[in-house]
Amino acid sequence: MHFADIEFIIKNLYGIVVQSREKKIAQLLTRNALKLATVESCTGGLISSRMTDVSGSSVYIHQNLVTYANEAKVQMLGVNRNTIEKYGVVSEQVALEMVKGMLERYNCGVAMSTTGIAGPLGATEEKPVGLIYIGIGNDKVQKSYKFEANPKISRRLMKYAFSNKAFELLINFLEENY
């Protein structure tokens, strides 16, 4: 285990043990009678797994997909191939199209997407390991957020860092819009 991994675990231990973010999201979704749909790429289903760790999640979880391959994003969500070619799959534009596809195709109240580079491979000079775009939206507003995690943490912890940021942003979105 690398020092960066140990440092990350220590800083996030409380959240790992008590699922505080997941429970807060559950409360906000339930209070507002909302159904959440997630579509994940770089997090590989971790967000879905963490959200369904909370008992009673069938009340607010509607649909969870992992669209790792570009073709899956196109077929299952309607992401435009030209968007992927022009901006790259790890981009604000693709994150937003993933959210819009969930909202249009899967009849949910709130949708969230992830697309990023968990590493250690796949980075470019413009798009480093640790880069993620998180899309969040409802029928009125869709937003994309950029986040860069410490590129030195392991792939497994990178996915955890990505999911933590996604939860933080989802809480903010729900509090601002409901």
N, C-alpha and C. Protein backbone atom coordinates (compact mmCIF):
# COMPACT_ATOMS: atom_id res chain seq x y z
N MET A 1 0.85 -1.17 0.00
CA MET A 1 0.00 0.00 0.00
C MET A 1 0.90 1.24 0.00
N HIS A 2 0.54 2.22 -0.81
CA HIS A 2 1.29 3.46 -0.93
C HIS A 2 0.90 4.44 0.18
N PHE A 3 1.81 5.38 0.46
CA PHE A 3 1.52 6.39 1.47
C PHE A 3 0.27 7.18 1.10
N ALA A 4 0.08 7.49 -0.18
CA ALA A 4 -1.10 8.25 -0.62
C ALA A 4 -2.39 7.48 -0.29
N ASP A 5 -2.35 6.15 -0.39
CA ASP A 5 -3.51 5.33 -0.05
C ASP A 5 -3.81 5.41 1.45
N ILE A 6 -2.77 5.29 2.26
CA ILE A 6 -2.95 5.34 3.72
C ILE A 6 -3.49 6.70 4.13
N GLU A 7 -2.95 7.76 3.57
CA GLU A 7 -3.41 9.11 3.87
C GLU A 7 -4.89 9.27 3.49
N PHE A 8 -5.27 8.76 2.33
CA PHE A 8 -6.67 8.85 1.87
C PHE A 8 -7.59 8.09 2.83
N ILE A 9 -7.22 6.90 3.22
CA ILE A 9 -8.05 6.09 4.12
C ILE A 9 -8.24 6.80 5.46
N ILE A 10 -7.17 7.36 6.00
CA ILE A 10 -7.28 8.05 7.28
C ILE A 10 -8.22 9.25 7.17
N LYS A 11 -8.10 10.03 6.11
CA LYS A 11 -8.94 11.21 5.94
C LYS A 11 -10.40 10.86 5.71
N ASN A 12 -10.68 9.67 5.20
CA ASN A 12 -12.05 9.30 4.83
C ASN A 12 -12.63 8.20 5.71
N LEU A 13 -11.95 7.82 6.78
CA LEU A 13 -12.38 6.69 7.60
C LEU A 13 -13.78 6.86 8.16
N TYR A 14 -14.10 8.01 8.67
CA TYR A 14 -15.44 8.24 9.24
C TYR A 14 -16.53 7.97 8.21
N GLY A 15 -16.38 8.53 7.01
CA GLY A 15 -17.37 8.33 5.96
C GLY A 15 -17.45 6.88 5.50
N ILE A 16 -16.34 6.20 5.49
CA ILE A 16 -16.32 4.79 5.09
C ILE A 16 -17.11 3.95 6.08
N VAL A 17 -16.96 4.23 7.35
CA VAL A 17 -17.58 3.42 8.39
C VAL A 17 -19.07 3.71 8.54
N VAL A 18 -19.47 4.96 8.53
CA VAL A 18 -20.86 5.28 8.89
C VAL A 18 -21.77 5.59 7.70
N GLN A 19 -21.26 5.61 6.49
CA GLN A 19 -22.07 5.87 5.30
C GLN A 19 -22.86 7.17 5.40
N SER A 20 -22.24 8.20 5.95
CA SER A 20 -22.97 9.44 6.22
C SER A 20 -23.49 10.11 4.95
N ARG A 21 -22.70 10.13 3.89
CA ARG A 21 -23.16 10.77 2.66
C ARG A 21 -24.32 10.01 2.04
N GLU A 22 -24.20 8.69 2.01
CA GLU A 22 -25.26 7.87 1.42
C GLU A 22 -26.58 8.05 2.17
N LYS A 23 -26.48 8.11 3.49
CA LYS A 23 -27.69 8.28 4.31
C LYS A 23 -28.31 9.66 4.10
N LYS A 24 -27.48 10.68 3.96
CA LYS A 24 -27.98 12.04 3.70
C LYS A 24 -28.71 12.08 2.36
N ILE A 25 -28.14 11.46 1.35
CA ILE A 25 -28.79 11.41 0.03
C ILE A 25 -30.11 10.67 0.13
N ALA A 26 -30.11 9.55 0.83
CA ALA A 26 -31.35 8.77 1.02
C ALA A 26 -32.43 9.63 1.66
N GLN A 27 -32.06 10.40 2.68
CA GLN A 27 -33.04 11.27 3.34
C GLN A 27 -33.58 12.33 2.40
N LEU A 28 -32.70 12.96 1.62
CA LEU A 28 -33.13 14.01 0.70
C LEU A 28 -34.03 13.46 -0.40
N LEU A 29 -33.66 12.31 -0.94
CA LEU A 29 -34.48 11.70 -2.00
C LEU A 29 -35.85 11.29 -1.46
N THR A 30 -35.85 10.66 -0.29
CA THR A 30 -37.10 10.19 0.31
C THR A 30 -38.01 11.36 0.68
N ARG A 31 -37.45 12.37 1.31
CA ARG A 31 -38.22 13.55 1.71
C ARG A 31 -38.90 14.22 0.52
N ASN A 32 -38.25 14.19 -0.64
CA ASN A 32 -38.78 14.85 -1.83
C ASN A 32 -39.44 13.88 -2.80
N ALA A 33 -39.64 12.63 -2.37
CA ALA A 33 -40.27 11.58 -3.19
C ALA A 33 -39.62 11.48 -4.57
N LEU A 34 -38.28 11.44 -4.57
CA LEU A 34 -37.52 11.37 -5.82
C LEU A 34 -36.92 9.99 -6.02
N LYS A 35 -36.80 9.62 -7.28
CA LYS A 35 -36.11 8.39 -7.67
C LYS A 35 -34.81 8.77 -8.35
N LEU A 36 -33.72 8.16 -7.93
CA LEU A 36 -32.40 8.41 -8.48
C LEU A 36 -32.03 7.31 -9.48
N ALA A 37 -31.46 7.74 -10.59
CA ALA A 37 -30.88 6.81 -11.55
C ALA A 37 -29.42 7.21 -11.74
N THR A 38 -28.54 6.23 -11.72
CA THR A 38 -27.12 6.51 -11.92
C THR A 38 -26.62 5.77 -13.15
N VAL A 39 -25.69 6.39 -13.83
CA VAL A 39 -24.99 5.74 -14.93
C VAL A 39 -23.51 6.01 -14.72
N GLU A 40 -22.76 4.93 -14.57
CA GLU A 40 -21.36 5.03 -14.21
C GLU A 40 -20.46 4.47 -15.29
N SER A 41 -19.32 5.10 -15.42
CA SER A 41 -18.28 4.57 -16.27
C SER A 41 -17.06 4.27 -15.38
N CYS A 42 -16.28 5.29 -15.05
CA CYS A 42 -15.03 5.07 -14.29
C CYS A 42 -15.25 4.55 -12.88
N THR A 43 -16.42 4.73 -12.31
CA THR A 43 -16.67 4.22 -10.96
C THR A 43 -17.19 2.79 -10.99
N GLY A 44 -17.51 2.27 -12.15
CA GLY A 44 -17.77 0.85 -12.34
C GLY A 44 -18.87 0.23 -11.48
N GLY A 45 -19.83 1.01 -11.04
CA GLY A 45 -20.91 0.49 -10.21
C GLY A 45 -20.74 0.74 -8.73
N LEU A 46 -19.64 1.38 -8.33
CA LEU A 46 -19.39 1.64 -6.92
C LEU A 46 -20.44 2.57 -6.32
N ILE A 47 -20.85 3.58 -7.06
CA ILE A 47 -21.89 4.50 -6.56
C ILE A 47 -23.17 3.73 -6.31
N SER A 48 -23.56 2.92 -7.25
CA SER A 48 -24.76 2.09 -7.10
C SER A 48 -24.64 1.18 -5.88
N SER A 49 -23.50 0.55 -5.75
CA SER A 49 -23.28 -0.35 -4.62
C SER A 49 -23.37 0.39 -3.30
N ARG A 50 -22.71 1.52 -3.20
CA ARG A 50 -22.73 2.28 -1.95
C ARG A 50 -24.13 2.80 -1.63
N MET A 51 -24.87 3.24 -2.65
CA MET A 51 -26.23 3.74 -2.40
C MET A 51 -27.15 2.62 -1.94
N THR A 52 -26.98 1.43 -2.48
CA THR A 52 -27.85 0.32 -2.09
C THR A 52 -27.38 -0.37 -0.82
N ASP A 53 -26.27 0.07 -0.24
CA ASP A 53 -25.85 -0.41 1.08
C ASP A 53 -26.77 0.14 2.17
N VAL A 54 -27.47 1.21 1.88
CA VAL A 54 -28.39 1.81 2.85
C VAL A 54 -29.71 1.04 2.80
N SER A 55 -30.13 0.56 3.94
CA SER A 55 -31.39 -0.20 4.01
C SER A 55 -32.56 0.66 3.55
N GLY A 56 -33.44 0.08 2.77
CA GLY A 56 -34.61 0.80 2.26
C GLY A 56 -34.35 1.50 0.94
N SER A 57 -33.23 1.23 0.30
CA SER A 57 -32.86 1.94 -0.92
C SER A 57 -33.82 1.71 -2.09
N SER A 58 -34.62 0.66 -2.02
CA SER A 58 -35.59 0.43 -3.11
C SER A 58 -36.64 1.53 -3.18
N VAL A 59 -36.76 2.33 -2.13
CA VAL A 59 -37.72 3.45 -2.13
C VAL A 59 -37.25 4.57 -3.06
N TYR A 60 -35.94 4.80 -3.17
CA TYR A 60 -35.44 5.96 -3.91
C TYR A 60 -34.47 5.62 -5.05
N ILE A 61 -34.07 4.36 -5.19
CA ILE A 61 -33.22 3.98 -6.32
C ILE A 61 -34.12 3.47 -7.44
N HIS A 62 -33.97 4.06 -8.63
CA HIS A 62 -34.81 3.69 -9.76
C HIS A 62 -34.07 2.77 -10.74
N GLN A 63 -32.91 3.19 -11.17
CA GLN A 63 -32.18 2.46 -12.22
C GLN A 63 -30.70 2.77 -12.07
N ASN A 64 -29.85 1.76 -12.15
CA ASN A 64 -28.41 1.97 -12.11
C ASN A 64 -27.78 1.20 -13.26
N LEU A 65 -26.97 1.88 -14.04
CA LEU A 65 -26.30 1.28 -15.18
C LEU A 65 -24.80 1.51 -15.08
N VAL A 66 -24.04 0.58 -15.65
CA VAL A 66 -22.62 0.79 -15.88
C VAL A 66 -22.42 0.72 -17.38
N THR A 67 -22.05 1.86 -17.97
CA THR A 67 -21.80 1.92 -19.42
C THR A 67 -20.32 2.24 -19.60
N TYR A 68 -19.52 1.22 -19.47
CA TYR A 68 -18.07 1.40 -19.49
C TYR A 68 -17.57 1.68 -20.90
N ALA A 69 -18.06 0.94 -21.87
CA ALA A 69 -17.63 1.12 -23.26
C ALA A 69 -18.36 2.28 -23.91
N ASN A 70 -17.68 2.94 -24.83
CA ASN A 70 -18.30 4.04 -25.57
C ASN A 70 -19.58 3.59 -26.25
N GLU A 71 -19.55 2.41 -26.86
CA GLU A 71 -20.73 1.91 -27.58
C GLU A 71 -21.92 1.73 -26.65
N ALA A 72 -21.67 1.34 -25.42
CA ALA A 72 -22.76 1.21 -24.45
C ALA A 72 -23.37 2.58 -24.16
N LYS A 73 -22.55 3.60 -24.07
CA LYS A 73 -23.07 4.96 -23.84
C LYS A 73 -23.95 5.39 -25.01
N VAL A 74 -23.53 5.06 -26.20
CA VAL A 74 -24.29 5.42 -27.40
C VAL A 74 -25.61 4.63 -27.45
N GLN A 75 -25.53 3.32 -27.29
CA GLN A 75 -26.71 2.47 -27.43
C GLN A 75 -27.70 2.63 -26.28
N MET A 76 -27.23 2.68 -25.06
CA MET A 76 -28.13 2.67 -23.90
C MET A 76 -28.59 4.06 -23.47
N LEU A 77 -27.82 5.09 -23.86
CA LEU A 77 -28.13 6.44 -23.38
C LEU A 77 -28.35 7.46 -24.49
N GLY A 78 -27.99 7.09 -25.71
CA GLY A 78 -28.12 8.04 -26.81
C GLY A 78 -27.03 9.07 -26.86
N VAL A 79 -25.88 8.80 -26.20
CA VAL A 79 -24.76 9.74 -26.31
C VAL A 79 -24.34 9.80 -27.77
N ASN A 80 -24.14 10.99 -28.27
CA ASN A 80 -23.80 11.21 -29.67
C ASN A 80 -22.34 10.81 -29.92
N ARG A 81 -22.12 9.98 -30.93
CA ARG A 81 -20.75 9.56 -31.27
C ARG A 81 -19.87 10.77 -31.59
N ASN A 82 -20.45 11.78 -32.23
CA ASN A 82 -19.69 12.98 -32.58
C ASN A 82 -19.22 13.72 -31.33
N THR A 83 -20.01 13.69 -30.27
CA THR A 83 -19.61 14.32 -29.01
C THR A 83 -18.39 13.61 -28.45
N ILE A 84 -18.42 12.28 -28.47
CA ILE A 84 -17.28 11.50 -27.98
C ILE A 84 -16.04 11.79 -28.81
N GLU A 85 -16.18 11.82 -30.14
CA GLU A 85 -15.04 12.07 -31.03
C GLU A 85 -14.48 13.48 -30.84
N LYS A 86 -15.36 14.46 -30.68
CA LYS A 86 -14.93 15.86 -30.58
C LYS A 86 -14.31 16.20 -29.23
N TYR A 87 -14.94 15.75 -28.14
CA TYR A 87 -14.50 16.14 -26.81
C TYR A 87 -13.81 15.04 -26.02
N GLY A 88 -13.97 13.81 -26.46
CA GLY A 88 -13.45 12.66 -25.73
C GLY A 88 -14.50 12.15 -24.77
N VAL A 89 -14.40 10.87 -24.44
CA VAL A 89 -15.40 10.26 -23.56
C VAL A 89 -15.32 10.83 -22.15
N VAL A 90 -14.14 11.26 -21.74
CA VAL A 90 -13.98 11.91 -20.43
C VAL A 90 -14.09 13.41 -20.68
N SER A 91 -15.32 13.90 -20.58
CA SER A 91 -15.58 15.31 -20.86
C SER A 91 -16.88 15.76 -20.22
N GLU A 92 -16.99 17.05 -20.04
CA GLU A 92 -18.22 17.65 -19.52
C GLU A 92 -19.40 17.32 -20.43
N GLN A 93 -19.18 17.38 -21.73
CA GLN A 93 -20.24 17.17 -22.70
C GLN A 93 -20.80 15.74 -22.62
N VAL A 94 -19.92 14.75 -22.51
CA VAL A 94 -20.38 13.36 -22.42
C VAL A 94 -21.09 13.12 -21.09
N ALA A 95 -20.56 13.67 -20.00
CA ALA A 95 -21.23 13.52 -18.70
C ALA A 95 -22.66 14.06 -18.77
N LEU A 96 -22.84 15.21 -19.42
CA LEU A 96 -24.18 15.79 -19.54
C LEU A 96 -25.09 14.95 -20.44
N GLU A 97 -24.55 14.45 -21.55
CA GLU A 97 -25.37 13.61 -22.43
C GLU A 97 -25.76 12.30 -21.74
N MET A 98 -24.90 11.79 -20.89
CA MET A 98 -25.24 10.58 -20.12
C MET A 98 -26.41 10.87 -19.18
N VAL A 99 -26.38 12.01 -18.50
CA VAL A 99 -27.48 12.40 -17.61
C VAL A 99 -28.77 12.57 -18.40
N LYS A 100 -28.69 13.29 -19.50
CA LYS A 100 -29.88 13.53 -20.32
C LYS A 100 -30.46 12.21 -20.83
N GLY A 101 -29.60 11.28 -21.20
CA GLY A 101 -30.07 9.97 -21.65
C GLY A 101 -30.80 9.22 -20.56
N MET A 102 -30.29 9.28 -19.35
CA MET A 102 -30.98 8.62 -18.22
C MET A 102 -32.34 9.26 -17.99
N LEU A 103 -32.38 10.58 -17.99
CA LEU A 103 -33.64 11.29 -17.74
C LEU A 103 -34.68 10.98 -18.82
N GLU A 104 -34.26 10.94 -20.06
CA GLU A 104 -35.18 10.72 -21.19
C GLU A 104 -35.61 9.26 -21.32
N ARG A 105 -34.70 8.34 -21.07
CA ARG A 105 -34.98 6.93 -21.35
C ARG A 105 -35.48 6.14 -20.14
N TYR A 106 -35.19 6.59 -18.94
CA TYR A 106 -35.45 5.74 -17.78
C TYR A 106 -36.39 6.36 -16.74
N ASN A 107 -37.05 7.44 -17.09
CA ASN A 107 -38.15 7.98 -16.28
C ASN A 107 -37.80 8.11 -14.79
N CYS A 108 -36.72 8.83 -14.53
CA CYS A 108 -36.30 9.05 -13.15
C CYS A 108 -36.44 10.52 -12.80
N GLY A 109 -36.43 10.83 -11.52
CA GLY A 109 -36.52 12.22 -11.09
C GLY A 109 -35.19 12.94 -11.12
N VAL A 110 -34.13 12.22 -10.75
CA VAL A 110 -32.77 12.77 -10.71
C VAL A 110 -31.83 11.74 -11.31
N ALA A 111 -30.88 12.21 -12.11
CA ALA A 111 -29.89 11.32 -12.71
C ALA A 111 -28.49 11.83 -12.41
N MET A 112 -27.56 10.87 -12.30
CA MET A 112 -26.16 11.22 -12.06
C MET A 112 -25.28 10.32 -12.93
N SER A 113 -24.21 10.92 -13.50
CA SER A 113 -23.29 10.16 -14.34
C SER A 113 -21.85 10.40 -13.91
N THR A 114 -20.99 9.43 -14.23
CA THR A 114 -19.55 9.58 -14.01
C THR A 114 -18.79 9.13 -15.24
N THR A 115 -17.77 9.89 -15.60
CA THR A 115 -16.86 9.51 -16.66
C THR A 115 -15.49 10.11 -16.32
N GLY A 116 -14.47 9.26 -16.23
CA GLY A 116 -13.18 9.76 -15.80
C GLY A 116 -12.06 8.77 -16.03
N ILE A 117 -10.92 9.09 -15.44
CA ILE A 117 -9.72 8.26 -15.60
C ILE A 117 -9.22 7.85 -14.22
N ALA A 118 -9.50 6.59 -13.86
CA ALA A 118 -9.11 6.07 -12.55
C ALA A 118 -7.66 5.59 -12.52
N GLY A 119 -7.06 5.38 -13.70
CA GLY A 119 -5.65 5.03 -13.80
C GLY A 119 -5.36 3.57 -13.47
N PRO A 120 -4.14 3.19 -13.44
CA PRO A 120 -3.00 4.04 -13.73
C PRO A 120 -2.79 4.30 -15.22
N LEU A 121 -3.52 3.59 -16.09
CA LEU A 121 -3.41 3.81 -17.53
C LEU A 121 -4.51 4.75 -18.00
N GLY A 122 -4.41 5.19 -19.24
CA GLY A 122 -5.48 5.95 -19.88
C GLY A 122 -5.31 7.45 -19.87
N ALA A 123 -4.32 7.95 -19.16
CA ALA A 123 -4.14 9.40 -19.06
C ALA A 123 -3.49 9.97 -20.32
N THR A 124 -3.76 11.25 -20.54
CA THR A 124 -3.08 12.01 -21.58
C THR A 124 -2.55 13.28 -20.91
N GLU A 125 -1.84 14.09 -21.66
CA GLU A 125 -1.34 15.34 -21.10
C GLU A 125 -2.49 16.26 -20.68
N GLU A 126 -3.56 16.27 -21.46
CA GLU A 126 -4.72 17.12 -21.17
C GLU A 126 -5.66 16.49 -20.14
N LYS A 127 -5.65 15.18 -20.05
CA LYS A 127 -6.57 14.47 -19.16
C LYS A 127 -5.78 13.49 -18.29
N PRO A 128 -5.40 13.94 -17.09
CA PRO A 128 -4.55 13.12 -16.22
C PRO A 128 -5.34 12.07 -15.44
N VAL A 129 -4.60 11.12 -14.89
CA VAL A 129 -5.19 10.18 -13.93
C VAL A 129 -5.77 11.01 -12.79
N GLY A 130 -6.97 10.65 -12.37
CA GLY A 130 -7.63 11.37 -11.29
C GLY A 130 -8.68 12.36 -11.77
N LEU A 131 -8.80 12.53 -13.09
CA LEU A 131 -9.80 13.45 -13.64
C LEU A 131 -11.14 12.76 -13.78
N ILE A 132 -12.19 13.41 -13.33
CA ILE A 132 -13.55 12.90 -13.49
C ILE A 132 -14.49 14.05 -13.79
N TYR A 133 -15.49 13.74 -14.61
CA TYR A 133 -16.62 14.65 -14.82
C TYR A 133 -17.84 13.93 -14.26
N ILE A 134 -18.60 14.66 -13.46
CA ILE A 134 -19.80 14.13 -12.83
C ILE A 134 -20.97 14.96 -13.33
N GLY A 135 -21.93 14.30 -13.92
CA GLY A 135 -23.14 14.98 -14.38
C GLY A 135 -24.27 14.70 -13.41
N ILE A 136 -25.06 15.74 -13.12
CA ILE A 136 -26.23 15.59 -12.26
C ILE A 136 -27.34 16.44 -12.84
N GLY A 137 -28.56 15.89 -12.85
CA GLY A 137 -29.64 16.70 -13.38
C GLY A 137 -31.02 16.16 -13.09
N ASN A 138 -31.99 17.02 -13.37
CA ASN A 138 -33.40 16.65 -13.33
C ASN A 138 -34.04 17.20 -14.60
N ASP A 139 -35.37 17.21 -14.67
CA ASP A 139 -36.01 17.66 -15.91
C ASP A 139 -35.84 19.16 -16.17
N LYS A 140 -35.40 19.92 -15.19
CA LYS A 140 -35.25 21.37 -15.36
C LYS A 140 -33.80 21.83 -15.56
N VAL A 141 -32.90 21.18 -14.89
CA VAL A 141 -31.50 21.62 -14.92
C VAL A 141 -30.56 20.42 -14.93
N GLN A 142 -29.53 20.51 -15.75
CA GLN A 142 -28.48 19.51 -15.78
C GLN A 142 -27.13 20.23 -15.67
N LYS A 143 -26.27 19.71 -14.82
CA LYS A 143 -24.97 20.33 -14.59
C LYS A 143 -23.87 19.28 -14.69
N SER A 144 -22.70 19.75 -15.08
CA SER A 144 -21.53 18.89 -15.10
C SER A 144 -20.45 19.53 -14.23
N TYR A 145 -19.75 18.69 -13.49
CA TYR A 145 -18.71 19.15 -12.57
C TYR A 145 -17.41 18.43 -12.88
N LYS A 146 -16.32 19.16 -12.80
CA LYS A 146 -14.98 18.60 -13.00
C LYS A 146 -14.30 18.47 -11.64
N PHE A 147 -13.63 17.35 -11.43
CA PHE A 147 -12.90 17.12 -10.19
C PHE A 147 -11.63 16.37 -10.52
N GLU A 148 -10.56 16.69 -9.81
CA GLU A 148 -9.29 15.97 -9.97
C GLU A 148 -8.84 15.45 -8.61
N ALA A 149 -8.76 14.15 -8.50
CA ALA A 149 -8.29 13.50 -7.27
C ALA A 149 -6.78 13.33 -7.34
N ASN A 150 -6.19 13.03 -6.21
CA ASN A 150 -4.75 12.79 -6.13
C ASN A 150 -4.37 11.64 -7.06
N PRO A 151 -3.57 11.88 -8.09
CA PRO A 151 -3.24 10.82 -9.05
C PRO A 151 -2.36 9.71 -8.48
N LYS A 152 -1.88 9.89 -7.26
CA LYS A 152 -0.99 8.89 -6.67
C LYS A 152 -1.72 7.81 -5.89
N ILE A 153 -3.02 8.00 -5.63
CA ILE A 153 -3.73 6.95 -4.90
C ILE A 153 -4.03 5.79 -5.85
N SER A 154 -4.26 4.62 -5.27
CA SER A 154 -4.50 3.42 -6.07
C SER A 154 -5.83 3.53 -6.83
N ARG A 155 -5.98 2.73 -7.84
CA ARG A 155 -7.20 2.72 -8.66
C ARG A 155 -8.43 2.49 -7.78
N ARG A 156 -8.36 1.55 -6.88
CA ARG A 156 -9.51 1.24 -6.01
C ARG A 156 -9.90 2.46 -5.18
N LEU A 157 -8.93 3.12 -4.58
CA LEU A 157 -9.23 4.31 -3.79
C LEU A 157 -9.61 5.50 -4.67
N MET A 158 -9.10 5.53 -5.89
CA MET A 158 -9.48 6.58 -6.83
C MET A 158 -10.98 6.51 -7.08
N LYS A 159 -11.48 5.30 -7.31
CA LYS A 159 -12.92 5.12 -7.53
C LYS A 159 -13.70 5.56 -6.29
N TYR A 160 -13.17 5.27 -5.13
CA TYR A 160 -13.82 5.69 -3.89
C TYR A 160 -13.82 7.21 -3.77
N ALA A 161 -12.69 7.85 -4.10
CA ALA A 161 -12.62 9.31 -4.07
C ALA A 161 -13.62 9.91 -5.06
N PHE A 162 -13.71 9.32 -6.25
CA PHE A 162 -14.68 9.78 -7.25
C PHE A 162 -16.11 9.67 -6.70
N SER A 163 -16.42 8.54 -6.08
CA SER A 163 -17.79 8.37 -5.57
C SER A 163 -18.08 9.34 -4.43
N ASN A 164 -17.08 9.60 -3.58
CA ASN A 164 -17.27 10.59 -2.51
C ASN A 164 -17.60 11.97 -3.08
N LYS A 165 -16.87 12.37 -4.11
CA LYS A 165 -17.11 13.68 -4.72
C LYS A 165 -18.50 13.70 -5.37
N ALA A 166 -18.87 12.62 -6.02
CA ALA A 166 -20.19 12.55 -6.65
C ALA A 166 -21.28 12.69 -5.59
N PHE A 167 -21.12 12.04 -4.44
CA PHE A 167 -22.11 12.14 -3.37
C PHE A 167 -22.19 13.57 -2.83
N GLU A 168 -21.04 14.18 -2.63
CA GLU A 168 -21.01 15.57 -2.14
C GLU A 168 -21.77 16.49 -3.11
N LEU A 169 -21.50 16.34 -4.39
CA LEU A 169 -22.16 17.17 -5.40
C LEU A 169 -23.66 16.87 -5.49
N LEU A 170 -24.03 15.60 -5.35
CA LEU A 170 -25.44 15.24 -5.39
C LEU A 170 -26.19 15.84 -4.21
N ILE A 171 -25.60 15.80 -3.04
CA ILE A 171 -26.22 16.42 -1.86
C ILE A 171 -26.44 17.91 -2.12
N ASN A 172 -25.43 18.59 -2.62
CA ASN A 172 -25.56 20.02 -2.93
C ASN A 172 -26.65 20.27 -3.96
N PHE A 173 -26.69 19.46 -5.00
CA PHE A 173 -27.71 19.62 -6.05
C PHE A 173 -29.10 19.44 -5.47
N LEU A 174 -29.29 18.41 -4.67
CA LEU A 174 -30.61 18.15 -4.08
C LEU A 174 -31.02 19.28 -3.14
N GLU A 175 -30.08 19.76 -2.33
CA GLU A 175 -30.41 20.85 -1.41
C GLU A 175 -30.71 22.16 -2.15
N GLU A 176 -30.07 22.40 -3.25
CA GLU A 176 -30.30 23.62 -4.02
C GLU A 176 -31.58 23.57 -4.85
N ASN A 177 -31.99 22.39 -5.27
CA ASN A 177 -33.09 22.28 -6.22
C ASN A 177 -34.39 21.73 -5.65
N TYR A 178 -34.39 21.32 -4.37
CA TYR A 178 -35.62 20.74 -3.79
C TYR A 178 -35.85 21.29 -2.40
